[in-house]
Amino acid sequence: LVFWAHRMLRLDPDGRYADVIERALYNGTISG
């Protein structure tokens, strides 16, 4: 999901993509 959001941000500088990167980084990834 981070990989995809990062690419969407490249196409469209919309904070909603960076918000999801942040949500996944601080929660659903490093919990692993």
PDB file of all heavy atoms in Angstrom:
ATOM      1  N   LEU A   1       0.832  -1.199   0.000  1.00  0.00           N
ATOM      2  CA  LEU A   1       0.000   0.000   0.000  1.00  0.00           C
ATOM      3  C   LEU A   1       0.870   1.254   0.000  1.00  0.00           C
ATOM      4  O   LEU A   1       0.559   2.242  -0.683  1.00  0.00           O
ATOM      5  CB  LEU A   1      -0.928  -0.019   1.216  1.00  0.00           C
ATOM      6  CG  LEU A   1      -1.914   1.137   1.355  1.00  0.00           C
ATOM      7  CD1 LEU A   1      -2.888   1.181   0.189  1.00  0.00           C
ATOM      8  CD2 LEU A   1      -2.672   1.025   2.683  1.00  0.00           C
ATOM      9  N   VAL A   2       1.970   1.227   0.742  1.00  0.00           N
ATOM     10  CA  VAL A   2       2.918   2.348   0.740  1.00  0.00           C
ATOM     11  C   VAL A   2       3.507   2.525  -0.656  1.00  0.00           C
ATOM     12  O   VAL A   2       3.608   3.653  -1.175  1.00  0.00           O
ATOM     13  CB  VAL A   2       4.031   2.124   1.783  1.00  0.00           C
ATOM     14  CG1 VAL A   2       5.139   3.169   1.627  1.00  0.00           C
ATOM     15  CG2 VAL A   2       3.456   2.168   3.194  1.00  0.00           C
ATOM     16  N   PHE A   3       3.914   1.418  -1.290  1.00  0.00           N
ATOM     17  CA  PHE A   3       4.482   1.508  -2.637  1.00  0.00           C
ATOM     18  C   PHE A   3       3.496   2.167  -3.600  1.00  0.00           C
ATOM     19  O   PHE A   3       3.862   3.031  -4.405  1.00  0.00           O
ATOM     20  CB  PHE A   3       4.832   0.110  -3.162  1.00  0.00           C
ATOM     21  CG  PHE A   3       5.911  -0.604  -2.408  1.00  0.00           C
ATOM     22  CD1 PHE A   3       6.055  -1.981  -2.527  1.00  0.00           C
ATOM     23  CD2 PHE A   3       6.792   0.070  -1.581  1.00  0.00           C
ATOM     24  CE1 PHE A   3       7.042  -2.662  -1.848  1.00  0.00           C
ATOM     25  CE2 PHE A   3       7.786  -0.600  -0.880  1.00  0.00           C
ATOM     26  CZ  PHE A   3       7.914  -1.976  -1.019  1.00  0.00           C
ATOM     27  N   TRP A   4       2.247   1.729  -3.530  1.00  0.00           N
ATOM     28  CA  TRP A   4       1.222   2.268  -4.432  1.00  0.00           C
ATOM     29  C   TRP A   4       0.962   3.744  -4.140  1.00  0.00           C
ATOM     30  O   TRP A   4       0.917   4.576  -5.060  1.00  0.00           O
ATOM     31  CB  TRP A   4      -0.050   1.435  -4.282  1.00  0.00           C
ATOM     32  CG  TRP A   4      -1.202   1.853  -5.129  1.00  0.00           C
ATOM     33  CD1 TRP A   4      -1.159   2.507  -6.326  1.00  0.00           C
ATOM     34  CD2 TRP A   4      -2.589   1.645  -4.831  1.00  0.00           C
ATOM     35  NE1 TRP A   4      -2.436   2.702  -6.798  1.00  0.00           N
ATOM     36  CE2 TRP A   4      -3.334   2.185  -5.909  1.00  0.00           C
ATOM     37  CE3 TRP A   4      -3.275   1.030  -3.779  1.00  0.00           C
ATOM     38  CZ2 TRP A   4      -4.723   2.143  -5.949  1.00  0.00           C
ATOM     39  CZ3 TRP A   4      -4.660   0.985  -3.821  1.00  0.00           C
ATOM     40  CH2 TRP A   4      -5.370   1.534  -4.889  1.00  0.00           C
ATOM     41  N   ALA A   5       0.795   4.088  -2.875  1.00  0.00           N
ATOM     42  CA  ALA A   5       0.533   5.479  -2.505  1.00  0.00           C
ATOM     43  C   ALA A   5       1.671   6.394  -2.948  1.00  0.00           C
ATOM     44  O   ALA A   5       1.441   7.519  -3.411  1.00  0.00           O
ATOM     45  CB  ALA A   5       0.327   5.581  -0.990  1.00  0.00           C
ATOM     46  N   HIS A   6       2.893   5.910  -2.818  1.00  0.00           N
ATOM     47  CA  HIS A   6       4.068   6.685  -3.234  1.00  0.00           C
ATOM     48  C   HIS A   6       4.000   7.002  -4.723  1.00  0.00           C
ATOM     49  O   HIS A   6       4.308   8.128  -5.157  1.00  0.00           O
ATOM     50  CB  HIS A   6       5.321   5.877  -2.902  1.00  0.00           C
ATOM     51  CG  HIS A   6       6.609   6.521  -3.294  1.00  0.00           C
ATOM     52  ND1 HIS A   6       6.950   7.797  -2.908  1.00  0.00           N
ATOM     53  CD2 HIS A   6       7.657   6.064  -4.038  1.00  0.00           C
ATOM     54  CE1 HIS A   6       8.150   8.091  -3.387  1.00  0.00           C
ATOM     55  NE2 HIS A   6       8.584   7.075  -4.083  1.00  0.00           N
ATOM     56  N   ARG A   7       3.561   6.042  -5.508  1.00  0.00           N
ATOM     57  CA  ARG A   7       3.458   6.257  -6.955  1.00  0.00           C
ATOM     58  C   ARG A   7       2.288   7.167  -7.304  1.00  0.00           C
ATOM     59  O   ARG A   7       2.382   7.966  -8.241  1.00  0.00           O
ATOM     60  CB  ARG A   7       3.350   4.901  -7.646  1.00  0.00           C
ATOM     61  CG  ARG A   7       4.680   4.151  -7.647  1.00  0.00           C
ATOM     62  CD  ARG A   7       4.514   2.656  -7.827  1.00  0.00           C
ATOM     63  NE  ARG A   7       5.792   2.003  -8.060  1.00  0.00           N
ATOM     64  CZ  ARG A   7       6.648   1.650  -7.106  1.00  0.00           C
ATOM     65  NH1 ARG A   7       6.352   1.894  -5.835  1.00  0.00           N
ATOM     66  NH2 ARG A   7       7.791   1.062  -7.410  1.00  0.00           N
ATOM     67  N   MET A   8       1.191   7.054  -6.566  1.00  0.00           N
ATOM     68  CA  MET A   8       0.067   7.950  -6.802  1.00  0.00           C
ATOM     69  C   MET A   8       0.451   9.392  -6.479  1.00  0.00           C
ATOM     70  O   MET A   8       0.028  10.333  -7.165  1.00  0.00           O
ATOM     71  CB  MET A   8      -1.133   7.517  -5.964  1.00  0.00           C
ATOM     72  CG  MET A   8      -1.723   6.171  -6.355  1.00  0.00           C
ATOM     73  SD  MET A   8      -2.294   6.103  -8.066  1.00  0.00           S
ATOM     74  CE  MET A   8      -3.737   7.168  -7.961  1.00  0.00           C
ATOM     75  N   LEU A   9       1.274   9.569  -5.469  1.00  0.00           N
ATOM     76  CA  LEU A   9       1.729  10.906  -5.093  1.00  0.00           C
ATOM     77  C   LEU A   9       2.598  11.509  -6.188  1.00  0.00           C
ATOM     78  O   LEU A   9       2.603  12.725  -6.411  1.00  0.00           O
ATOM     79  CB  LEU A   9       2.495  10.811  -3.779  1.00  0.00           C
ATOM     80  CG  LEU A   9       2.654  12.050  -2.906  1.00  0.00           C
ATOM     81  CD1 LEU A   9       1.319  12.697  -2.610  1.00  0.00           C
ATOM     82  CD2 LEU A   9       3.366  11.678  -1.614  1.00  0.00           C
ATOM     83  N   ARG A  10       3.330  10.654  -6.881  1.00  0.00           N
ATOM     84  CA  ARG A  10       4.138  11.114  -8.002  1.00  0.00           C
ATOM     85  C   ARG A  10       3.243  11.649  -9.129  1.00  0.00           C
ATOM     86  O   ARG A  10       3.561  12.639  -9.783  1.00  0.00           O
ATOM     87  CB  ARG A  10       4.996   9.949  -8.519  1.00  0.00           C
ATOM     88  CG  ARG A  10       5.803  10.227  -9.778  1.00  0.00           C
ATOM     89  CD  ARG A  10       6.454   8.942 -10.276  1.00  0.00           C
ATOM     90  NE  ARG A  10       7.232   9.159 -11.483  1.00  0.00           N
ATOM     91  CZ  ARG A  10       7.768   8.179 -12.194  1.00  0.00           C
ATOM     92  NH1 ARG A  10       7.609   6.915 -11.809  1.00  0.00           N
ATOM     93  NH2 ARG A  10       8.460   8.432 -13.288  1.00  0.00           N
ATOM     94  N   LEU A  11       2.108  11.000  -9.326  1.00  0.00           N
ATOM     95  CA  LEU A  11       1.183  11.391 -10.385  1.00  0.00           C
ATOM     96  C   LEU A  11       0.316  12.581 -10.009  1.00  0.00           C
ATOM     97  O   LEU A  11      -0.087  13.366 -10.871  1.00  0.00           O
ATOM     98  CB  LEU A  11       0.277  10.198 -10.722  1.00  0.00           C
ATOM     99  CG  LEU A  11       0.886   9.107 -11.598  1.00  0.00           C
ATOM    100  CD1 LEU A  11       0.074   7.823 -11.475  1.00  0.00           C
ATOM    101  CD2 LEU A  11       0.949   9.554 -13.041  1.00  0.00           C
ATOM    102  N   ASP A  12       0.007  12.684  -8.718  1.00  0.00           N
ATOM    103  CA  ASP A  12      -0.969  13.677  -8.270  1.00  0.00           C
ATOM    104  C   ASP A  12      -0.604  14.101  -6.853  1.00  0.00           C
ATOM    105  O   ASP A  12      -0.842  13.354  -5.903  1.00  0.00           O
ATOM    106  CB  ASP A  12      -2.367  13.054  -8.303  1.00  0.00           C
ATOM    107  CG  ASP A  12      -3.450  13.993  -7.818  1.00  0.00           C
ATOM    108  OD1 ASP A  12      -3.208  15.211  -7.758  1.00  0.00           O
ATOM    109  OD2 ASP A  12      -4.553  13.499  -7.497  1.00  0.00           O
ATOM    110  N   PRO A  13      -0.018  15.285  -6.664  1.00  0.00           N
ATOM    111  CA  PRO A  13       0.406  15.701  -5.321  1.00  0.00           C
ATOM    112  C   PRO A  13      -0.784  16.021  -4.425  1.00  0.00           C
ATOM    113  O   PRO A  13      -1.117  17.177  -4.179  1.00  0.00           O
ATOM    114  CB  PRO A  13       1.275  16.929  -5.593  1.00  0.00           C
ATOM    115  CG  PRO A  13       0.773  17.472  -6.888  1.00  0.00           C
ATOM    116  CD  PRO A  13       0.345  16.281  -7.694  1.00  0.00           C
ATOM    117  N   ASP A  14      -1.406  14.973  -3.945  1.00  0.00           N
ATOM    118  CA  ASP A  14      -2.584  15.082  -3.091  1.00  0.00           C
ATOM    119  C   ASP A  14      -2.230  14.491  -1.733  1.00  0.00           C
ATOM    120  O   ASP A  14      -1.766  13.339  -1.638  1.00  0.00           O
ATOM    121  CB  ASP A  14      -3.750  14.316  -3.729  1.00  0.00           C
ATOM    122  CG  ASP A  14      -5.082  14.587  -3.053  1.00  0.00           C
ATOM    123  OD1 ASP A  14      -5.103  14.698  -1.809  1.00  0.00           O
ATOM    124  OD2 ASP A  14      -6.105  14.669  -3.752  1.00  0.00           O
ATOM    125  N   GLY A  15      -2.480  15.258  -0.681  1.00  0.00           N
ATOM    126  CA  GLY A  15      -2.100  14.825   0.655  1.00  0.00           C
ATOM    127  C   GLY A  15      -2.739  13.533   1.107  1.00  0.00           C
ATOM    128  O   GLY A  15      -2.241  12.881   2.022  1.00  0.00           O
ATOM    129  N   ARG A  16      -3.855  13.133   0.486  1.00  0.00           N
ATOM    130  CA  ARG A  16      -4.499  11.894   0.921  1.00  0.00           C
ATOM    131  C   ARG A  16      -3.591  10.687   0.685  1.00  0.00           C
ATOM    132  O   ARG A  16      -3.660   9.706   1.426  1.00  0.00           O
ATOM    133  CB  ARG A  16      -5.832  11.706   0.214  1.00  0.00           C
ATOM    134  CG  ARG A  16      -5.764  11.583  -1.304  1.00  0.00           C
ATOM    135  CD  ARG A  16      -7.148  11.427  -1.895  1.00  0.00           C
ATOM    136  NE  ARG A  16      -7.113  11.363  -3.352  1.00  0.00           N
ATOM    137  CZ  ARG A  16      -7.985  10.687  -4.075  1.00  0.00           C
ATOM    138  NH1 ARG A  16      -8.953  10.011  -3.481  1.00  0.00           N
ATOM    139  NH2 ARG A  16      -7.909  10.686  -5.388  1.00  0.00           N
ATOM    140  N   TYR A  17      -2.740  10.740  -0.334  1.00  0.00           N
ATOM    141  CA  TYR A  17      -1.816   9.636  -0.569  1.00  0.00           C
ATOM    142  C   TYR A  17      -0.715   9.623   0.493  1.00  0.00           C
ATOM    143  O   TYR A  17      -0.359   8.571   1.032  1.00  0.00           O
ATOM    144  CB  TYR A  17      -1.206   9.743  -1.965  1.00  0.00           C
ATOM    145  CG  TYR A  17      -2.231   9.770  -3.075  1.00  0.00           C
ATOM    146  CD1 TYR A  17      -2.283  10.828  -3.979  1.00  0.00           C
ATOM    147  CD2 TYR A  17      -3.167   8.747  -3.214  1.00  0.00           C
ATOM    148  CE1 TYR A  17      -3.220  10.869  -4.995  1.00  0.00           C
ATOM    149  CE2 TYR A  17      -4.118   8.782  -4.228  1.00  0.00           C
ATOM    150  CZ  TYR A  17      -4.143   9.851  -5.120  1.00  0.00           C
ATOM    151  OH  TYR A  17      -5.080   9.872  -6.116  1.00  0.00           O
ATOM    152  N   ALA A  18      -0.185  10.795   0.795  1.00  0.00           N
ATOM    153  CA  ALA A  18       0.845  10.878   1.833  1.00  0.00           C
ATOM    154  C   ALA A  18       0.276  10.532   3.204  1.00  0.00           C
ATOM    155  O   ALA A  18       0.982   9.964   4.048  1.00  0.00           O
ATOM    156  CB  ALA A  18       1.453  12.279   1.856  1.00  0.00           C
ATOM    157  N   ASP A  19      -0.999  10.855   3.441  1.00  0.00           N
ATOM    158  CA  ASP A  19      -1.644  10.488   4.708  1.00  0.00           C
ATOM    159  C   ASP A  19      -1.663   8.972   4.886  1.00  0.00           C
ATOM    160  O   ASP A  19      -1.434   8.461   6.002  1.00  0.00           O
ATOM    161  CB  ASP A  19      -3.076  11.017   4.748  1.00  0.00           C
ATOM    162  CG  ASP A  19      -3.166  12.508   5.036  1.00  0.00           C
ATOM    163  OD1 ASP A  19      -2.134  13.127   5.360  1.00  0.00           O
ATOM    164  OD2 ASP A  19      -4.282  13.060   4.924  1.00  0.00           O
ATOM    165  N   VAL A  20      -1.963   8.254   3.824  1.00  0.00           N
ATOM    166  CA  VAL A  20      -2.015   6.793   3.921  1.00  0.00           C
ATOM    167  C   VAL A  20      -0.615   6.215   4.093  1.00  0.00           C
ATOM    168  O   VAL A  20      -0.416   5.254   4.849  1.00  0.00           O
ATOM    169  CB  VAL A  20      -2.731   6.201   2.698  1.00  0.00           C
ATOM    170  CG1 VAL A  20      -2.544   4.680   2.639  1.00  0.00           C
ATOM    171  CG2 VAL A  20      -4.222   6.529   2.753  1.00  0.00           C
ATOM    172  N   ILE A  21       0.368   6.789   3.412  1.00  0.00           N
ATOM    173  CA  ILE A  21       1.752   6.358   3.649  1.00  0.00           C
ATOM    174  C   ILE A  21       2.079   6.500   5.131  1.00  0.00           C
ATOM    175  O   ILE A  21       2.625   5.583   5.760  1.00  0.00           O
ATOM    176  CB  ILE A  21       2.737   7.175   2.790  1.00  0.00           C
ATOM    177  CG1 ILE A  21       2.568   6.839   1.310  1.00  0.00           C
ATOM    178  CG2 ILE A  21       4.183   6.907   3.236  1.00  0.00           C
ATOM    179  CD1 ILE A  21       3.411   7.696   0.384  1.00  0.00           C
ATOM    180  N   GLU A  22       1.754   7.653   5.696  1.00  0.00           N
ATOM    181  CA  GLU A  22       2.031   7.898   7.108  1.00  0.00           C
ATOM    182  C   GLU A  22       1.299   6.903   7.999  1.00  0.00           C
ATOM    183  O   GLU A  22       1.891   6.325   8.930  1.00  0.00           O
ATOM    184  CB  GLU A  22       1.610   9.321   7.457  1.00  0.00           C
ATOM    185  CG  GLU A  22       1.822   9.695   8.914  1.00  0.00           C
ATOM    186  CD  GLU A  22       1.319  11.097   9.209  1.00  0.00           C
ATOM    187  OE1 GLU A  22       0.096  11.261   9.399  1.00  0.00           O
ATOM    188  OE2 GLU A  22       2.151  12.025   9.245  1.00  0.00           O
ATOM    189  N   ARG A  23       0.019   6.669   7.728  1.00  0.00           N
ATOM    190  CA  ARG A  23      -0.766   5.745   8.549  1.00  0.00           C
ATOM    191  C   ARG A  23      -0.151   4.349   8.524  1.00  0.00           C
ATOM    192  O   ARG A  23      -0.038   3.685   9.560  1.00  0.00           O
ATOM    193  CB  ARG A  23      -2.212   5.703   8.061  1.00  0.00           C
ATOM    194  CG  ARG A  23      -3.125   4.816   8.906  1.00  0.00           C
ATOM    195  CD  ARG A  23      -4.577   4.945   8.500  1.00  0.00           C
ATOM    196  NE  ARG A  23      -5.102   6.279   8.716  1.00  0.00           N
ATOM    197  CZ  ARG A  23      -5.531   6.731   9.888  1.00  0.00           C
ATOM    198  NH1 ARG A  23      -5.499   5.930  10.951  1.00  0.00           N
ATOM    199  NH2 ARG A  23      -6.006   7.949  10.009  1.00  0.00           N
ATOM    200  N   ALA A  24       0.236   3.904   7.337  1.00  0.00           N
ATOM    201  CA  ALA A  24       0.823   2.569   7.229  1.00  0.00           C
ATOM    202  C   ALA A  24       2.212   2.512   7.854  1.00  0.00           C
ATOM    203  O   ALA A  24       2.554   1.541   8.540  1.00  0.00           O
ATOM    204  CB  ALA A  24       0.886   2.147   5.761  1.00  0.00           C
ATOM    205  N   LEU A  25       3.012   3.547   7.658  1.00  0.00           N
ATOM    206  CA  LEU A  25       4.370   3.532   8.196  1.00  0.00           C
ATOM    207  C   LEU A  25       4.381   3.431   9.714  1.00  0.00           C
ATOM    208  O   LEU A  25       5.147   2.651  10.292  1.00  0.00           O
ATOM    209  CB  LEU A  25       5.128   4.794   7.766  1.00  0.00           C
ATOM    210  CG  LEU A  25       5.661   4.860   6.334  1.00  0.00           C
ATOM    211  CD1 LEU A  25       6.349   6.195   6.098  1.00  0.00           C
ATOM    212  CD2 LEU A  25       6.623   3.717   6.046  1.00  0.00           C
ATOM    213  N   TYR A  26       3.546   4.219  10.383  1.00  0.00           N
ATOM    214  CA  TYR A  26       3.603   4.288  11.844  1.00  0.00           C
ATOM    215  C   TYR A  26       2.745   3.230  12.534  1.00  0.00           C
ATOM    216  O   TYR A  26       2.767   3.135  13.762  1.00  0.00           O
ATOM    217  CB  TYR A  26       3.183   5.675  12.329  1.00  0.00           C
ATOM    218  CG  TYR A  26       4.211   6.743  12.045  1.00  0.00           C
ATOM    219  CD1 TYR A  26       4.106   7.554  10.921  1.00  0.00           C
ATOM    220  CD2 TYR A  26       5.305   6.919  12.881  1.00  0.00           C
ATOM    221  CE1 TYR A  26       5.060   8.528  10.651  1.00  0.00           C
ATOM    222  CE2 TYR A  26       6.266   7.885  12.622  1.00  0.00           C
ATOM    223  CZ  TYR A  26       6.134   8.687  11.500  1.00  0.00           C
ATOM    224  OH  TYR A  26       7.081   9.646  11.234  1.00  0.00           O
ATOM    225  N   ASN A  27       2.022   2.440  11.752  1.00  0.00           N
ATOM    226  CA  ASN A  27       1.123   1.473  12.380  1.00  0.00           C
ATOM    227  C   ASN A  27       1.230   0.093  11.741  1.00  0.00           C
ATOM    228  O   ASN A  27       1.829  -0.805  12.304  1.00  0.00           O
ATOM    229  CB  ASN A  27      -0.314   2.003  12.315  1.00  0.00           C
ATOM    230  CG  ASN A  27      -0.486   3.336  13.027  1.00  0.00           C
ATOM    231  OD1 ASN A  27      -0.468   3.400  14.244  1.00  0.00           O
ATOM    232  ND2 ASN A  27      -0.649   4.413  12.268  1.00  0.00           N
ATOM    233  N   GLY A  28       0.668  -0.089  10.556  1.00  0.00           N
ATOM    234  CA  GLY A  28       0.481  -1.421   9.997  1.00  0.00           C
ATOM    235  C   GLY A  28       1.684  -2.089   9.392  1.00  0.00           C
ATOM    236  O   GLY A  28       1.622  -3.272   9.047  1.00  0.00           O
ATOM    237  N   THR A  29       2.807  -1.368   9.228  1.00  0.00           N
ATOM    238  CA  THR A  29       4.021  -2.008   8.698  1.00  0.00           C
ATOM    239  C   THR A  29       4.958  -2.411   9.834  1.00  0.00           C
ATOM    240  O   THR A  29       5.286  -3.587   9.985  1.00  0.00           O
ATOM    241  CB  THR A  29       4.754  -1.081   7.716  1.00  0.00           C
ATOM    242  OG1 THR A  29       5.118   0.145   8.379  1.00  0.00           O
ATOM    243  CG2 THR A  29       3.887  -0.765   6.512  1.00  0.00           C
ATOM    244  N   ILE A  30       5.386  -1.444  10.629  1.00  0.00           N
ATOM    245  CA  ILE A  30       6.386  -1.762  11.666  1.00  0.00           C
ATOM    246  C   ILE A  30       5.809  -2.610  12.789  1.00  0.00           C
ATOM    247  O   ILE A  30       6.576  -3.174  13.584  1.00  0.00           O
ATOM    248  CB  ILE A  30       7.050  -0.491  12.235  1.00  0.00           C
ATOM    249  CG1 ILE A  30       6.009   0.499  12.756  1.00  0.00           C
ATOM    250  CG2 ILE A  30       7.924   0.156  11.182  1.00  0.00           C
ATOM    251  CD1 ILE A  30       6.611   1.719  13.450  1.00  0.00           C
ATOM    252  N   SER A  31       4.476  -2.752  12.857  1.00  0.00           N
ATOM    253  CA  SER A  31       3.911  -3.730  13.788  1.00  0.00           C
ATOM    254  C   SER A  31       4.352  -5.136  13.426  1.00  0.00           C
ATOM    255  O   SER A  31       4.320  -6.040  14.268  1.00  0.00           O
ATOM    256  CB  SER A  31       2.379  -3.653  13.766  1.00  0.00           C
ATOM    257  OG  SER A  31       1.881  -3.899  12.452  1.00  0.00           O
ATOM    258  N   GLY A  32       4.802  -5.327  12.172  1.00  0.00           N
ATOM    259  CA  GLY A  32       5.221  -6.647  11.727  1.00  0.00           C
ATOM    260  C   GLY A  32       6.577  -7.082  12.228  1.00  0.00           C
ATOM    261  O   GLY A  32       7.014  -8.204  11.909  1.00  0.00           O
TER     262      GLY A  32
END
